[in-house]
Amino acid sequence: MSAISRANATLRVIGSDLNPEEISSLLGGLPTRANRKGDDLQKSPYAPVRPATAGLWAVEAQLATPSDVNLKIVDLLNGLTDDLLVWKRIATRYRLSVYCVWFMEEGNEGEEISVETLHMLSA
């Protein structure tokens, strides 16, 4: 099995009453995308402007070629606080997710998420 051609990962914090400045302060980092509920959003120049249905704080890793999603996830988390009490506080108020995207150029590409990466995410 060959490596996935390209990959990306995004850490997202989502919630109705989310204040992006508060999340930046708690996590010790700046987002690549952020909005409050009700802010005007436009996904592309041709899409209509619509109000955000929820607040969002997201930090996106740089696209990796070839793929190394473990490194992307570690990079995302290493740039933020390692204080688990802060993460628990955020997780009790908001929805947290790590969103990964893989771009394949051949039919039999694959990648494994390491035990170390899964441990970081679960903590």
N, C-alpha and C. Protein backbone atom coordinates (compact mmCIF):
# COMPACT_ATOMS: atom_id res chain seq x y z
N MET A 1 0.85 -1.18 0.00
CA MET A 1 0.00 0.00 0.00
C MET A 1 0.90 1.24 0.00
N SER A 2 0.64 2.14 -0.93
CA SER A 2 1.42 3.36 -1.00
C SER A 2 0.79 4.43 -0.11
N ALA A 3 1.60 5.45 0.20
CA ALA A 3 1.13 6.54 1.08
C ALA A 3 0.08 7.37 0.36
N ILE A 4 -0.82 7.94 1.13
CA ILE A 4 -1.82 8.87 0.59
C ILE A 4 -1.08 10.06 -0.02
N SER A 5 -1.53 10.54 -1.15
CA SER A 5 -0.82 11.59 -1.88
C SER A 5 -0.76 12.92 -1.13
N ARG A 6 -1.90 13.37 -0.61
CA ARG A 6 -1.96 14.63 0.12
C ARG A 6 -2.93 14.50 1.28
N ALA A 7 -2.68 15.26 2.34
CA ALA A 7 -3.59 15.22 3.49
C ALA A 7 -3.60 16.57 4.19
N ASN A 8 -4.67 16.79 4.92
CA ASN A 8 -4.80 18.00 5.71
C ASN A 8 -5.59 17.67 6.97
N ALA A 9 -5.42 18.47 8.01
CA ALA A 9 -6.15 18.28 9.26
C ALA A 9 -6.53 19.64 9.82
N THR A 10 -7.71 19.69 10.43
CA THR A 10 -8.20 20.92 11.05
C THR A 10 -8.77 20.60 12.42
N LEU A 11 -8.36 21.35 13.42
CA LEU A 11 -8.93 21.27 14.77
C LEU A 11 -10.05 22.28 14.83
N ARG A 12 -11.26 21.83 15.24
CA ARG A 12 -12.42 22.72 15.28
C ARG A 12 -13.04 22.73 16.67
N VAL A 13 -13.42 23.92 17.11
CA VAL A 13 -14.20 24.12 18.33
C VAL A 13 -15.48 24.83 17.87
N ILE A 14 -16.65 24.24 18.18
CA ILE A 14 -17.91 24.75 17.66
C ILE A 14 -18.91 24.90 18.80
N GLY A 15 -19.65 26.00 18.82
CA GLY A 15 -20.68 26.19 19.83
C GLY A 15 -21.51 27.42 19.58
N SER A 16 -22.75 27.40 20.04
CA SER A 16 -23.67 28.52 19.82
C SER A 16 -23.18 29.81 20.46
N ASP A 17 -22.63 29.71 21.67
CA ASP A 17 -22.20 30.92 22.37
C ASP A 17 -20.68 31.11 22.34
N LEU A 18 -20.02 30.48 21.36
CA LEU A 18 -18.56 30.52 21.29
C LEU A 18 -18.06 31.93 21.00
N ASN A 19 -17.07 32.35 21.78
CA ASN A 19 -16.37 33.62 21.59
C ASN A 19 -14.96 33.27 21.11
N PRO A 20 -14.61 33.53 19.85
CA PRO A 20 -13.29 33.14 19.35
C PRO A 20 -12.12 33.71 20.14
N GLU A 21 -12.24 34.92 20.63
CA GLU A 21 -11.16 35.53 21.40
C GLU A 21 -10.92 34.75 22.70
N GLU A 22 -11.99 34.29 23.33
CA GLU A 22 -11.87 33.50 24.56
C GLU A 22 -11.14 32.19 24.29
N ILE A 23 -11.50 31.51 23.20
CA ILE A 23 -10.85 30.24 22.87
C ILE A 23 -9.38 30.47 22.56
N SER A 24 -9.05 31.52 21.82
CA SER A 24 -7.65 31.84 21.54
C SER A 24 -6.87 32.05 22.82
N SER A 25 -7.48 32.76 23.76
CA SER A 25 -6.82 33.02 25.04
C SER A 25 -6.62 31.73 25.83
N LEU A 26 -7.65 30.89 25.88
CA LEU A 26 -7.55 29.64 26.63
C LEU A 26 -6.52 28.68 26.02
N LEU A 27 -6.52 28.57 24.68
CA LEU A 27 -5.64 27.60 24.02
C LEU A 27 -4.25 28.15 23.75
N GLY A 28 -4.08 29.47 23.82
CA GLY A 28 -2.77 30.05 23.61
C GLY A 28 -2.34 30.06 22.15
N GLY A 29 -3.30 30.16 21.24
CA GLY A 29 -2.98 30.20 19.82
C GLY A 29 -4.06 30.91 19.04
N LEU A 30 -3.74 31.27 17.82
CA LEU A 30 -4.69 31.98 16.97
C LEU A 30 -5.30 31.02 15.95
N PRO A 31 -6.57 31.24 15.61
CA PRO A 31 -7.22 30.37 14.62
C PRO A 31 -6.86 30.80 13.20
N THR A 32 -7.06 29.88 12.26
CA THR A 32 -6.97 30.24 10.85
C THR A 32 -8.34 30.67 10.34
N ARG A 33 -9.41 30.26 11.03
CA ARG A 33 -10.78 30.68 10.73
C ARG A 33 -11.53 30.81 12.04
N ALA A 34 -12.36 31.84 12.14
CA ALA A 34 -13.17 32.01 13.35
C ALA A 34 -14.37 32.89 13.04
N ASN A 35 -15.46 32.62 13.73
CA ASN A 35 -16.64 33.47 13.62
C ASN A 35 -17.52 33.24 14.84
N ARG A 36 -18.40 34.18 15.07
CA ARG A 36 -19.44 34.05 16.09
C ARG A 36 -20.73 33.64 15.40
N LYS A 37 -21.64 33.08 16.17
CA LYS A 37 -22.97 32.76 15.63
C LYS A 37 -23.60 34.06 15.12
N GLY A 38 -24.16 34.01 13.92
CA GLY A 38 -24.80 35.17 13.33
C GLY A 38 -23.90 36.00 12.43
N ASP A 39 -22.57 35.81 12.51
CA ASP A 39 -21.67 36.53 11.61
C ASP A 39 -21.99 36.16 10.16
N ASP A 40 -21.80 37.11 9.25
CA ASP A 40 -22.01 36.83 7.83
C ASP A 40 -20.87 35.97 7.30
N LEU A 41 -21.22 34.89 6.61
CA LEU A 41 -20.24 33.99 6.01
C LEU A 41 -20.50 33.86 4.52
N GLN A 42 -19.41 33.67 3.77
CA GLN A 42 -19.52 33.42 2.33
C GLN A 42 -18.47 32.40 1.97
N LYS A 43 -18.89 31.20 1.58
CA LYS A 43 -17.97 30.09 1.32
C LYS A 43 -17.13 30.30 0.07
N SER A 44 -17.65 31.01 -0.91
CA SER A 44 -16.90 31.30 -2.13
C SER A 44 -17.42 32.63 -2.68
N PRO A 45 -16.69 33.23 -3.63
CA PRO A 45 -17.15 34.50 -4.18
C PRO A 45 -18.51 34.41 -4.87
N TYR A 46 -18.89 33.20 -5.28
CA TYR A 46 -20.15 33.02 -6.00
C TYR A 46 -21.29 32.55 -5.09
N ALA A 47 -20.99 32.20 -3.87
CA ALA A 47 -22.01 31.71 -2.95
C ALA A 47 -22.70 32.89 -2.26
N PRO A 48 -23.94 32.71 -1.87
CA PRO A 48 -24.62 33.79 -1.16
C PRO A 48 -24.06 33.97 0.24
N VAL A 49 -24.16 35.18 0.75
CA VAL A 49 -23.78 35.45 2.14
C VAL A 49 -24.89 34.90 3.02
N ARG A 50 -24.50 34.22 4.09
CA ARG A 50 -25.49 33.66 5.02
C ARG A 50 -24.98 33.82 6.44
N PRO A 51 -25.88 33.88 7.41
CA PRO A 51 -25.42 34.00 8.80
C PRO A 51 -24.91 32.65 9.32
N ALA A 52 -23.84 32.70 10.11
CA ALA A 52 -23.29 31.49 10.72
C ALA A 52 -24.31 30.91 11.70
N THR A 53 -24.52 29.61 11.64
CA THR A 53 -25.48 28.96 12.53
C THR A 53 -24.86 28.63 13.89
N ALA A 54 -23.54 28.73 13.99
CA ALA A 54 -22.84 28.47 15.25
C ALA A 54 -21.52 29.22 15.24
N GLY A 55 -20.95 29.39 16.42
CA GLY A 55 -19.62 29.96 16.52
C GLY A 55 -18.58 28.91 16.16
N LEU A 56 -17.46 29.36 15.60
CA LEU A 56 -16.40 28.45 15.17
C LEU A 56 -15.05 29.04 15.49
N TRP A 57 -14.17 28.20 16.01
CA TRP A 57 -12.75 28.52 16.16
C TRP A 57 -12.03 27.33 15.54
N ALA A 58 -11.23 27.55 14.50
CA ALA A 58 -10.58 26.44 13.80
C ALA A 58 -9.15 26.81 13.45
N VAL A 59 -8.27 25.84 13.58
CA VAL A 59 -6.89 26.00 13.13
C VAL A 59 -6.60 24.86 12.17
N GLU A 60 -6.14 25.23 10.98
CA GLU A 60 -5.90 24.26 9.90
C GLU A 60 -4.41 24.11 9.67
N ALA A 61 -3.97 22.87 9.55
CA ALA A 61 -2.57 22.59 9.24
C ALA A 61 -2.33 22.88 7.76
N GLN A 62 -1.07 23.03 7.40
CA GLN A 62 -0.72 23.19 5.99
C GLN A 62 -0.90 21.86 5.29
N LEU A 63 -1.31 21.90 4.05
CA LEU A 63 -1.48 20.69 3.24
C LEU A 63 -0.15 19.95 3.14
N ALA A 64 -0.15 18.66 3.42
CA ALA A 64 1.07 17.85 3.40
C ALA A 64 1.12 17.01 2.13
N THR A 65 2.24 17.08 1.42
CA THR A 65 2.45 16.27 0.23
C THR A 65 3.83 15.64 0.33
N PRO A 66 4.02 14.35 0.42
CA PRO A 66 2.98 13.34 0.58
C PRO A 66 2.36 13.44 1.97
N SER A 67 1.30 12.70 2.16
CA SER A 67 0.53 12.76 3.39
C SER A 67 1.33 12.31 4.60
N ASP A 68 1.13 13.00 5.71
CA ASP A 68 1.59 12.55 7.03
C ASP A 68 0.63 13.15 8.05
N VAL A 69 -0.54 12.54 8.15
CA VAL A 69 -1.58 13.09 9.00
C VAL A 69 -1.17 13.07 10.46
N ASN A 70 -0.36 12.12 10.89
CA ASN A 70 0.11 12.11 12.28
C ASN A 70 0.89 13.39 12.57
N LEU A 71 1.79 13.76 11.68
CA LEU A 71 2.57 14.98 11.85
C LEU A 71 1.67 16.21 11.85
N LYS A 72 0.65 16.24 10.99
CA LYS A 72 -0.28 17.37 10.93
C LYS A 72 -1.03 17.53 12.26
N ILE A 73 -1.51 16.44 12.81
CA ILE A 73 -2.25 16.50 14.08
C ILE A 73 -1.34 16.93 15.21
N VAL A 74 -0.14 16.38 15.26
CA VAL A 74 0.83 16.76 16.29
C VAL A 74 1.16 18.25 16.17
N ASP A 75 1.35 18.74 14.94
CA ASP A 75 1.62 20.16 14.73
C ASP A 75 0.48 21.04 15.24
N LEU A 76 -0.76 20.62 14.96
CA LEU A 76 -1.92 21.38 15.44
C LEU A 76 -1.93 21.47 16.96
N LEU A 77 -1.74 20.34 17.62
CA LEU A 77 -1.84 20.30 19.08
C LEU A 77 -0.61 20.90 19.76
N ASN A 78 0.57 20.74 19.18
CA ASN A 78 1.78 21.29 19.79
C ASN A 78 1.78 22.81 19.80
N GLY A 79 1.03 23.45 18.92
CA GLY A 79 0.95 24.90 18.92
C GLY A 79 -0.01 25.47 19.94
N LEU A 80 -0.65 24.59 20.71
CA LEU A 80 -1.67 25.01 21.68
C LEU A 80 -1.31 24.51 23.07
N THR A 81 -2.08 24.92 24.06
CA THR A 81 -1.80 24.53 25.43
C THR A 81 -1.84 23.01 25.61
N ASP A 82 -1.02 22.51 26.51
CA ASP A 82 -1.08 21.08 26.86
C ASP A 82 -1.76 20.89 28.22
N ASP A 83 -2.38 21.95 28.74
CA ASP A 83 -3.09 21.90 30.01
C ASP A 83 -4.42 21.16 29.80
N LEU A 84 -4.50 19.93 30.30
CA LEU A 84 -5.70 19.11 30.08
C LEU A 84 -6.93 19.68 30.77
N LEU A 85 -6.75 20.46 31.84
CA LEU A 85 -7.91 21.09 32.49
C LEU A 85 -8.54 22.14 31.58
N VAL A 86 -7.72 22.85 30.82
CA VAL A 86 -8.25 23.83 29.86
C VAL A 86 -9.03 23.11 28.78
N TRP A 87 -8.46 22.02 28.24
CA TRP A 87 -9.15 21.25 27.20
C TRP A 87 -10.46 20.67 27.73
N LYS A 88 -10.46 20.20 28.98
CA LYS A 88 -11.68 19.64 29.56
C LYS A 88 -12.74 20.73 29.71
N ARG A 89 -12.31 21.90 30.13
CA ARG A 89 -13.24 23.03 30.28
C ARG A 89 -13.88 23.38 28.93
N ILE A 90 -13.06 23.42 27.89
CA ILE A 90 -13.58 23.72 26.55
C ILE A 90 -14.51 22.60 26.08
N ALA A 91 -14.10 21.35 26.31
CA ALA A 91 -14.89 20.20 25.84
C ALA A 91 -16.24 20.09 26.54
N THR A 92 -16.37 20.61 27.75
CA THR A 92 -17.66 20.55 28.44
C THR A 92 -18.62 21.61 27.91
N ARG A 93 -18.09 22.66 27.29
CA ARG A 93 -18.93 23.75 26.78
C ARG A 93 -19.18 23.69 25.28
N TYR A 94 -18.23 23.11 24.54
CA TYR A 94 -18.29 23.15 23.09
C TYR A 94 -18.03 21.77 22.49
N ARG A 95 -18.29 21.67 21.19
CA ARG A 95 -17.99 20.44 20.45
C ARG A 95 -16.60 20.57 19.85
N LEU A 96 -15.75 19.59 20.11
CA LEU A 96 -14.39 19.55 19.58
C LEU A 96 -14.28 18.45 18.53
N SER A 97 -13.54 18.73 17.47
CA SER A 97 -13.29 17.69 16.47
C SER A 97 -11.98 17.97 15.76
N VAL A 98 -11.37 16.90 15.28
CA VAL A 98 -10.24 17.00 14.37
C VAL A 98 -10.74 16.43 13.06
N TYR A 99 -10.76 17.27 12.05
CA TYR A 99 -11.30 16.92 10.74
C TYR A 99 -10.13 16.67 9.80
N CYS A 100 -10.04 15.47 9.27
CA CYS A 100 -8.94 15.10 8.38
C CYS A 100 -9.47 14.87 6.97
N VAL A 101 -8.69 15.31 5.99
CA VAL A 101 -9.03 15.12 4.59
C VAL A 101 -7.84 14.47 3.90
N TRP A 102 -8.13 13.39 3.16
CA TRP A 102 -7.10 12.70 2.39
C TRP A 102 -7.44 12.82 0.91
N PHE A 103 -6.43 13.08 0.10
CA PHE A 103 -6.59 13.16 -1.35
C PHE A 103 -5.77 12.03 -1.98
N MET A 104 -6.46 11.11 -2.60
CA MET A 104 -5.78 9.96 -3.21
C MET A 104 -5.61 10.19 -4.71
N GLU A 105 -4.47 9.74 -5.24
CA GLU A 105 -4.23 9.79 -6.67
C GLU A 105 -4.27 8.40 -7.29
N GLU A 106 -4.18 7.37 -6.45
CA GLU A 106 -4.24 5.99 -6.91
C GLU A 106 -5.26 5.26 -6.05
N GLY A 107 -5.65 4.08 -6.49
CA GLY A 107 -6.70 3.35 -5.80
C GLY A 107 -6.29 2.65 -4.52
N ASN A 108 -5.03 2.41 -4.30
CA ASN A 108 -4.62 1.62 -3.15
C ASN A 108 -3.69 2.41 -2.24
N GLU A 109 -4.06 3.64 -1.92
CA GLU A 109 -3.26 4.44 -1.00
C GLU A 109 -3.85 4.32 0.40
N GLY A 110 -3.03 4.44 1.40
CA GLY A 110 -3.52 4.33 2.76
C GLY A 110 -2.59 4.98 3.76
N GLU A 111 -3.08 5.13 4.97
CA GLU A 111 -2.30 5.74 6.04
C GLU A 111 -2.81 5.22 7.37
N GLU A 112 -1.92 5.17 8.34
CA GLU A 112 -2.29 4.73 9.68
C GLU A 112 -2.17 5.88 10.65
N ILE A 113 -3.09 5.95 11.58
CA ILE A 113 -3.00 6.90 12.68
C ILE A 113 -2.25 6.18 13.79
N SER A 114 -1.17 6.78 14.26
CA SER A 114 -0.32 6.11 15.26
C SER A 114 -0.98 6.08 16.64
N VAL A 115 -0.53 5.17 17.46
CA VAL A 115 -1.01 5.06 18.83
C VAL A 115 -0.71 6.36 19.59
N GLU A 116 0.45 6.94 19.35
CA GLU A 116 0.82 8.19 20.02
C GLU A 116 -0.14 9.33 19.65
N THR A 117 -0.49 9.40 18.38
CA THR A 117 -1.43 10.44 17.94
C THR A 117 -2.81 10.22 18.56
N LEU A 118 -3.28 8.99 18.56
CA LEU A 118 -4.57 8.68 19.18
C LEU A 118 -4.55 8.99 20.66
N HIS A 119 -3.43 8.74 21.33
CA HIS A 119 -3.31 9.07 22.76
C HIS A 119 -3.41 10.57 22.97
N MET A 120 -2.73 11.37 22.13
CA MET A 120 -2.81 12.83 22.26
C MET A 120 -4.26 13.29 22.10
N LEU A 121 -4.95 12.75 21.11
CA LEU A 121 -6.34 13.15 20.86
C LEU A 121 -7.26 12.74 22.00
N SER A 122 -7.06 11.55 22.53
CA SER A 122 -7.95 11.08 23.60
C SER A 122 -7.72 11.81 24.91
N ALA A 123 -6.49 12.26 25.15
CA ALA A 123 -6.20 12.99 26.39
C ALA A 123 -6.91 14.33 26.36
